[in-house]
Amino acid sequence: MTDLYNYDLTAHNTFGINARCKRYVAFDNVEEAQTVLPSLVASGEQLLILGGGSNLLLTADYNGTVVHSRILGVQSSDDGADHVLLRSGSGVVWDELVAQCVAENLHGAENLSLIPGEVGASAVQNIGAYGAEVKDLITEIEAIEIKTGHLVYITNAQCEYAYRQSRFKKDWKDRFFITHVTYRLSRNFVPHLDYGNIRGALAEKGIATPTPSELRQIIIDIRNEKLPDPKVEGNAGSFFMNPIVERGQFEALQKLYPNMPHYIIDNEHVKIPAGWMIEQCGWKGKTLGRAGVHHKQALVLVNKGGADGKEVLALCQQIQLDVQAKFGITIHPEVNIR
């Protein structure tokens, strides 16, 4: 276990925001966390659970204790002839787990390649990309109830997963410290290619029927082309969630914007890309102070150099106002703002 005071969090958030916390505690195993977490709660300490920091905007120093999982290890077990259960420590880097799955011919996570962050956060956020969501792979979550130190086992259904949502972000917020996540992968490869420009990118390489490794590489190439490297330009990936609106509102907007991209959710709901709306508001490639909107992907807010969290938040709020004024739609941050 690591226990440090007045700790610099700059390297622990991909926005590269210069912020500190009063105390930083990292756990290497479940037993450490079970012992220490309840004592922190009993002392009245404010807690912030931090994974890879890829979905976080710090707007000030954190006057409390940051807790982090360094619980590693991946174990597999058969789940019938065609499926395998993969139990991963919450501190495992998500994309390293995806790479391991592809190498071991375990399928279902290819479209989630290169999403930043760690395994624990995947279960909180219900990470998704290119037509796939991790909720369709998760079977069970092991977690510590922070107040009591009790180890609990949570099913997929209990999490009430939805688009970029789970109970961990709502009524379970700050209640549990995730230690392990179990995923169900398939031995049979059924590629999902009908989202975004996957097929077009494959066609450019002359690939009609990709292998799992080819599909993973295509996803990586697409993401690298569209998204900035946080080591070069601080960011947290997609900053806003794509709003889901009622069909009536969508049809009214479509009359004004016939070429508006969209995805049908069901008979009553349609998803509209937030990045497209932000671009229509003229923000793509523009800056506000030392924060800006990425020049290739308007959904991504970036630290242009030396920005603090308040500058990024001010940009976020101005974009929200402009999108609301133009489209009558409120877009919400996907990023956790603290």
Protein backbone atom coordinates (compact mmCIF):
# COMPACT_ATOMS: atom_id res chain seq x y z
CA MET A 1 0.00 0.00 0.00
CA THR A 2 1.11 3.54 -0.76
CA ASP A 3 0.10 6.33 1.62
CA LEU A 4 1.26 9.86 0.74
CA TYR A 5 0.31 13.37 1.86
CA ASN A 6 0.00 16.64 -0.12
CA TYR A 7 0.22 14.58 -3.27
CA ASP A 8 0.51 15.97 -6.81
CA LEU A 9 -2.25 14.60 -9.08
CA THR A 10 -0.95 16.08 -12.35
CA ALA A 11 0.21 12.68 -13.61
CA HIS A 12 -3.03 11.05 -12.47
CA ASN A 13 -5.45 12.93 -14.71
CA THR A 14 -5.20 12.87 -18.50
CA PHE A 15 -6.20 16.53 -18.77
CA GLY A 16 -2.85 17.26 -17.13
CA ILE A 17 -4.45 19.62 -14.61
CA ASN A 18 -2.04 20.77 -11.91
CA ALA A 19 -3.92 19.88 -8.71
CA ARG A 20 -3.08 18.27 -5.42
CA CYS A 21 -4.89 16.17 -2.83
CA LYS A 22 -4.48 16.17 0.92
CA ARG A 23 -3.75 12.43 0.96
CA TYR A 24 -3.28 9.67 -1.62
CA VAL A 25 -3.75 5.98 -0.80
CA ALA A 26 -3.22 3.16 -3.32
CA PHE A 27 -4.19 -0.43 -2.48
CA ASP A 28 -2.38 -3.49 -3.84
CA ASN A 29 -4.88 -6.06 -2.58
CA VAL A 30 -8.41 -6.44 -1.29
CA GLU A 31 -7.43 -6.95 2.34
CA GLU A 32 -5.64 -3.58 2.54
CA ALA A 33 -8.67 -1.80 1.16
CA GLN A 34 -11.06 -3.63 3.49
CA THR A 35 -9.03 -2.52 6.49
CA VAL A 36 -8.27 1.09 5.56
CA LEU A 37 -11.41 2.32 3.80
CA PRO A 38 -13.79 2.07 6.78
CA SER A 39 -11.25 3.87 8.99
CA LEU A 40 -11.10 6.74 6.49
CA VAL A 41 -14.88 7.02 6.52
CA ALA A 42 -15.01 6.86 10.32
CA SER A 43 -12.53 9.73 10.51
CA GLY A 44 -14.85 11.90 8.43
CA GLU A 45 -12.41 12.05 5.52
CA GLN A 46 -13.74 13.03 2.09
CA LEU A 47 -12.92 10.31 -0.45
CA LEU A 48 -12.38 10.43 -4.19
CA ILE A 49 -12.01 7.10 -5.98
CA LEU A 50 -9.54 7.57 -8.84
CA GLY A 51 -8.76 5.10 -11.60
CA GLY A 52 -6.63 6.10 -14.55
CA GLY A 53 -7.88 9.69 -14.39
CA SER A 54 -9.05 9.54 -18.01
CA ASN A 55 -12.60 10.60 -17.21
CA LEU A 56 -11.89 13.34 -14.67
CA LEU A 57 -11.69 17.13 -14.64
CA LEU A 58 -10.20 18.59 -11.46
CA THR A 59 -11.30 22.18 -10.97
CA ALA A 60 -9.38 22.71 -7.70
CA ASP A 61 -7.13 20.95 -5.21
CA TYR A 62 -8.94 18.07 -3.51
CA ASN A 63 -9.18 18.62 0.23
CA GLY A 64 -9.56 14.96 1.05
CA THR A 65 -8.15 11.50 0.37
CA VAL A 66 -7.80 10.07 -3.12
CA VAL A 67 -8.02 6.26 -3.15
CA HIS A 68 -6.73 4.18 -6.04
CA SER A 69 -6.76 0.48 -6.93
CA ARG A 70 -3.53 -1.23 -7.92
CA ILE A 71 -5.23 -4.63 -7.72
CA LEU A 72 -3.97 -6.60 -10.72
CA GLY A 73 -4.23 -10.13 -12.10
CA VAL A 74 -6.51 -11.80 -14.63
CA GLN A 75 -7.95 -15.31 -14.21
CA SER A 76 -10.07 -17.24 -16.70
CA SER A 77 -12.56 -20.08 -16.38
CA ASP A 78 -14.77 -21.92 -18.86
CA ASP A 79 -18.44 -20.96 -19.07
CA GLY A 80 -19.72 -23.63 -21.38
CA ALA A 81 -18.27 -24.72 -24.70
CA ASP A 82 -18.32 -21.33 -26.37
CA HIS A 83 -17.63 -18.80 -23.61
CA VAL A 84 -14.98 -17.92 -21.07
CA LEU A 85 -15.28 -15.87 -17.88
CA LEU A 86 -12.41 -13.44 -17.36
CA ARG A 87 -11.99 -12.05 -13.82
CA SER A 88 -9.75 -8.99 -13.79
CA GLY A 89 -8.35 -6.83 -11.02
CA SER A 90 -9.79 -3.33 -11.08
CA GLY A 91 -6.34 -1.75 -11.49
CA VAL A 92 -5.61 -3.51 -14.79
CA VAL A 93 -5.36 -1.11 -17.73
CA TRP A 94 -8.48 -1.66 -19.84
CA ASP A 95 -6.77 -1.71 -23.23
CA GLU A 96 -4.18 -4.20 -21.99
CA LEU A 97 -7.06 -6.50 -21.07
CA VAL A 98 -8.57 -6.09 -24.55
CA ALA A 99 -5.19 -6.90 -26.11
CA GLN A 100 -4.97 -10.03 -23.96
CA CYS A 101 -8.47 -11.09 -25.03
CA VAL A 102 -7.61 -10.75 -28.71
CA ALA A 103 -4.32 -12.61 -28.26
CA GLU A 104 -6.12 -15.47 -26.52
CA ASN A 105 -8.94 -15.62 -29.10
CA LEU A 106 -11.57 -14.40 -26.65
CA HIS A 107 -14.00 -12.14 -28.45
CA GLY A 108 -16.48 -9.34 -27.84
CA ALA A 109 -14.25 -6.48 -26.70
CA GLU A 110 -12.51 -5.62 -29.98
CA ASN A 111 -14.61 -2.50 -30.64
CA LEU A 112 -13.68 -1.19 -27.19
CA SER A 113 -9.98 -1.09 -28.04
CA LEU A 114 -7.86 1.86 -26.92
CA ILE A 115 -10.47 3.30 -24.58
CA PRO A 116 -8.34 4.82 -21.82
CA GLY A 117 -8.70 4.00 -18.15
CA GLU A 118 -8.76 0.93 -15.96
CA VAL A 119 -11.00 -2.08 -15.49
CA GLY A 120 -12.76 -0.70 -12.41
CA ALA A 121 -13.87 2.39 -14.29
CA SER A 122 -15.25 0.30 -17.15
CA ALA A 123 -17.92 -1.03 -14.80
CA VAL A 124 -18.74 2.40 -13.37
CA GLN A 125 -18.96 4.24 -16.67
CA ASN A 126 -20.36 1.52 -18.92
CA ILE A 127 -17.69 2.42 -21.45
CA GLY A 128 -18.71 2.14 -25.06
CA ALA A 129 -17.53 2.85 -28.59
CA TYR A 130 -18.27 1.87 -32.17
CA GLY A 131 -21.57 0.16 -31.41
CA ALA A 132 -20.36 -1.83 -28.38
CA GLU A 133 -20.88 -1.33 -24.64
CA VAL A 134 -19.09 -3.10 -21.82
CA LYS A 135 -22.42 -3.84 -20.09
CA ASP A 136 -22.89 -6.59 -22.68
CA LEU A 137 -19.74 -8.32 -21.39
CA ILE A 138 -19.90 -7.79 -17.61
CA THR A 139 -21.37 -10.60 -15.54
CA GLU A 140 -20.30 -9.75 -11.98
CA ILE A 141 -18.54 -7.03 -10.02
CA GLU A 142 -16.71 -7.57 -6.75
CA ALA A 143 -16.52 -4.51 -4.55
CA ILE A 144 -15.92 -3.35 -1.01
CA GLU A 145 -18.66 -1.42 0.72
CA ILE A 146 -16.54 1.54 1.79
CA LYS A 147 -18.33 2.29 5.04
CA THR A 148 -18.23 -1.27 6.41
CA GLY A 149 -15.34 -2.97 4.56
CA HIS A 150 -17.65 -5.81 3.57
CA LEU A 151 -16.95 -7.57 0.28
CA VAL A 152 -20.03 -7.70 -1.94
CA TYR A 153 -20.86 -9.34 -5.26
CA ILE A 154 -22.99 -7.32 -7.67
CA THR A 155 -24.72 -8.69 -10.76
CA ASN A 156 -24.98 -6.96 -14.11
CA ALA A 157 -28.73 -6.47 -13.66
CA GLN A 158 -28.29 -4.80 -10.28
CA CYS A 159 -26.10 -2.12 -11.90
CA GLU A 160 -29.01 -0.89 -14.06
CA TYR A 161 -26.72 -0.07 -16.96
CA ALA A 162 -27.73 2.47 -19.58
CA TYR A 163 -25.88 4.68 -22.06
CA ARG A 164 -22.78 5.84 -20.13
CA GLN A 165 -24.67 5.24 -16.90
CA SER A 166 -24.84 2.87 -13.95
CA ARG A 167 -25.91 2.97 -10.33
CA PHE A 168 -22.24 3.55 -9.46
CA LYS A 169 -22.68 7.04 -10.93
CA LYS A 170 -26.02 7.68 -9.23
CA ASP A 171 -27.36 6.22 -5.97
CA TRP A 172 -24.23 4.08 -5.44
CA LYS A 173 -21.85 6.99 -6.00
CA ASP A 174 -18.93 6.77 -3.51
CA ARG A 175 -20.52 3.75 -1.80
CA PHE A 176 -18.38 0.98 -3.31
CA PHE A 177 -14.70 0.48 -4.12
CA ILE A 178 -14.50 -1.97 -7.04
CA THR A 179 -11.86 -4.69 -6.67
CA HIS A 180 -12.57 -7.07 -9.56
CA VAL A 181 -14.78 -7.25 -12.66
CA THR A 182 -15.77 -10.47 -14.43
CA TYR A 183 -16.45 -10.41 -18.17
CA ARG A 184 -17.97 -13.08 -20.39
CA LEU A 185 -16.12 -13.45 -23.71
CA SER A 186 -16.92 -15.66 -26.65
CA ARG A 187 -14.69 -18.17 -28.40
CA ASN A 188 -16.63 -17.44 -31.60
CA PHE A 189 -15.70 -14.23 -33.40
CA VAL A 190 -18.70 -12.25 -34.68
CA PRO A 191 -17.36 -8.84 -35.78
CA HIS A 192 -19.52 -5.74 -35.33
CA LEU A 193 -18.75 -3.51 -38.29
CA ASP A 194 -21.87 -1.40 -38.88
CA TYR A 195 -21.03 1.65 -36.77
CA GLY A 196 -19.29 4.81 -37.85
CA ASN A 197 -16.65 4.36 -40.53
CA ILE A 198 -15.41 0.88 -39.58
CA ARG A 199 -16.34 -0.70 -42.91
CA GLY A 200 -14.86 2.22 -44.83
CA ALA A 201 -11.58 1.99 -42.94
CA LEU A 202 -11.45 -1.76 -43.58
CA ALA A 203 -12.19 -1.25 -47.28
CA GLU A 204 -9.32 1.21 -47.58
CA LYS A 205 -7.00 -1.59 -46.46
CA GLY A 206 -8.66 -4.13 -48.76
CA ILE A 207 -10.10 -6.12 -45.87
CA ALA A 208 -13.58 -7.56 -46.42
CA THR A 209 -13.70 -9.99 -43.49
CA PRO A 210 -11.37 -8.89 -40.70
CA THR A 211 -9.68 -11.12 -38.17
CA PRO A 212 -10.04 -10.10 -34.51
CA SER A 213 -6.57 -8.53 -34.53
CA GLU A 214 -7.33 -6.66 -37.78
CA LEU A 215 -10.56 -5.28 -36.31
CA ARG A 216 -8.77 -4.21 -33.15
CA GLN A 217 -6.09 -2.45 -35.20
CA ILE A 218 -8.68 -0.67 -37.32
CA ILE A 219 -10.41 0.62 -34.17
CA ILE A 220 -7.05 1.78 -32.81
CA ASP A 221 -6.21 3.52 -36.10
CA ILE A 222 -9.59 5.29 -36.20
CA ARG A 223 -9.25 6.47 -32.61
CA ASN A 224 -5.69 7.66 -33.13
CA GLU A 225 -6.74 9.58 -36.21
CA LYS A 226 -9.68 11.29 -34.48
CA LEU A 227 -8.52 11.75 -30.90
CA PRO A 228 -5.50 13.64 -29.52
CA ASP A 229 -2.84 11.87 -27.48
CA PRO A 230 -3.24 13.13 -23.89
CA LYS A 231 0.53 12.97 -23.47
CA VAL A 232 0.76 15.66 -26.16
CA GLU A 233 -2.46 17.60 -25.56
CA GLY A 234 -4.28 16.98 -22.29
CA ASN A 235 -7.83 15.68 -22.68
CA ALA A 236 -10.31 13.17 -21.33
CA GLY A 237 -11.55 11.81 -24.64
CA SER A 238 -15.20 12.46 -25.39
CA PHE A 239 -16.21 15.21 -22.98
CA PHE A 240 -19.96 15.15 -23.62
CA MET A 241 -22.48 12.35 -23.90
CA ASN A 242 -24.47 12.11 -27.11
CA PRO A 243 -28.00 13.21 -26.20
CA ILE A 244 -30.95 10.90 -26.73
CA VAL A 245 -34.08 12.85 -27.66
CA GLU A 246 -37.71 12.00 -28.33
CA ARG A 247 -38.57 11.29 -31.94
CA GLY A 248 -40.82 14.34 -32.22
CA GLN A 249 -38.01 16.68 -31.26
CA PHE A 250 -35.64 14.92 -33.64
CA GLU A 251 -38.09 15.18 -36.56
CA ALA A 252 -38.56 18.90 -35.93
CA LEU A 253 -34.80 19.43 -35.97
CA GLN A 254 -34.40 17.24 -39.05
CA LYS A 255 -36.61 19.64 -41.00
CA LEU A 256 -34.15 22.41 -40.18
CA TYR A 257 -31.04 20.23 -40.62
CA PRO A 258 -31.83 17.52 -43.21
CA ASN A 259 -28.26 16.16 -43.12
CA MET A 260 -28.12 15.87 -39.33
CA PRO A 261 -26.44 12.56 -38.39
CA HIS A 262 -28.40 10.37 -36.01
CA TYR A 263 -28.84 6.86 -34.65
CA ILE A 264 -32.23 5.28 -34.06
CA ILE A 265 -32.46 3.96 -30.49
CA ASP A 266 -36.05 2.68 -30.63
CA ASN A 267 -39.43 3.77 -32.02
CA GLU A 268 -39.56 6.75 -29.68
CA HIS A 269 -35.93 7.85 -29.24
CA VAL A 270 -33.06 9.02 -31.43
CA LYS A 271 -29.42 9.72 -30.52
CA ILE A 272 -27.85 12.85 -32.02
CA PRO A 273 -24.05 13.24 -32.02
CA ALA A 274 -23.07 16.00 -29.60
CA GLY A 275 -19.87 16.58 -31.57
CA TRP A 276 -21.87 17.47 -34.69
CA MET A 277 -23.96 20.01 -32.78
CA ILE A 278 -20.85 21.54 -31.19
CA GLU A 279 -19.30 21.83 -34.65
CA GLN A 280 -22.45 23.51 -36.01
CA CYS A 281 -22.09 26.07 -33.22
CA GLY A 282 -18.66 26.96 -34.60
CA TRP A 283 -16.56 25.57 -31.76
CA LYS A 284 -14.48 23.01 -33.60
CA GLY A 285 -10.82 24.04 -33.36
CA LYS A 286 -11.64 27.16 -31.30
CA THR A 287 -10.24 28.11 -27.90
CA LEU A 288 -11.40 29.91 -24.79
CA GLY A 289 -8.43 30.97 -22.74
CA ARG A 290 -6.03 28.05 -22.48
CA ALA A 291 -8.74 25.44 -23.14
CA GLY A 292 -10.02 24.50 -26.55
CA VAL A 293 -12.03 22.18 -28.77
CA HIS A 294 -10.01 19.65 -30.73
CA HIS A 295 -9.61 20.54 -34.40
CA LYS A 296 -10.51 17.02 -35.61
CA GLN A 297 -13.18 15.98 -33.12
CA ALA A 298 -15.48 18.61 -31.60
CA LEU A 299 -16.56 16.21 -28.86
CA VAL A 300 -13.10 16.47 -27.30
CA LEU A 301 -12.05 19.40 -25.09
CA VAL A 302 -8.31 19.89 -24.74
CA ASN A 303 -5.79 21.57 -22.49
CA LYS A 304 -3.88 23.83 -24.89
CA GLY A 305 -1.13 24.22 -22.32
CA GLY A 306 -1.23 25.31 -18.71
CA ALA A 307 -5.01 25.42 -18.43
CA ASP A 308 -6.55 24.90 -15.04
CA GLY A 309 -9.77 22.99 -14.46
CA LYS A 310 -11.86 26.14 -14.16
CA GLU A 311 -10.87 27.20 -17.68
CA VAL A 312 -11.96 23.83 -19.11
CA LEU A 313 -15.20 24.05 -17.12
CA ALA A 314 -15.88 27.56 -18.45
CA LEU A 315 -15.44 26.24 -22.01
CA CYS A 316 -17.77 23.33 -21.25
CA GLN A 317 -20.46 25.66 -19.91
CA GLN A 318 -20.24 28.06 -22.86
CA ILE A 319 -20.59 25.17 -25.31
CA GLN A 320 -23.63 23.90 -23.40
CA LEU A 321 -25.25 27.33 -23.62
CA ASP A 322 -24.58 27.60 -27.36
CA VAL A 323 -25.92 24.11 -28.15
CA GLN A 324 -29.03 24.77 -26.06
CA ALA A 325 -29.62 28.08 -27.82
CA LYS A 326 -29.22 26.63 -31.33
CA PHE A 327 -30.85 23.20 -30.97
CA GLY A 328 -32.92 23.33 -27.78
CA ILE A 329 -30.95 20.37 -26.45
CA THR A 330 -28.97 20.21 -23.22
CA ILE A 331 -25.76 18.22 -23.57
CA HIS A 332 -24.28 16.74 -20.42
CA PRO A 333 -20.63 16.04 -19.60
CA GLU A 334 -19.51 12.45 -19.64
CA VAL A 335 -16.48 13.51 -17.64
CA ASN A 336 -16.57 13.53 -13.83
CA ILE A 337 -16.09 17.16 -12.77
CA ARG A 338 -14.67 17.65 -9.27
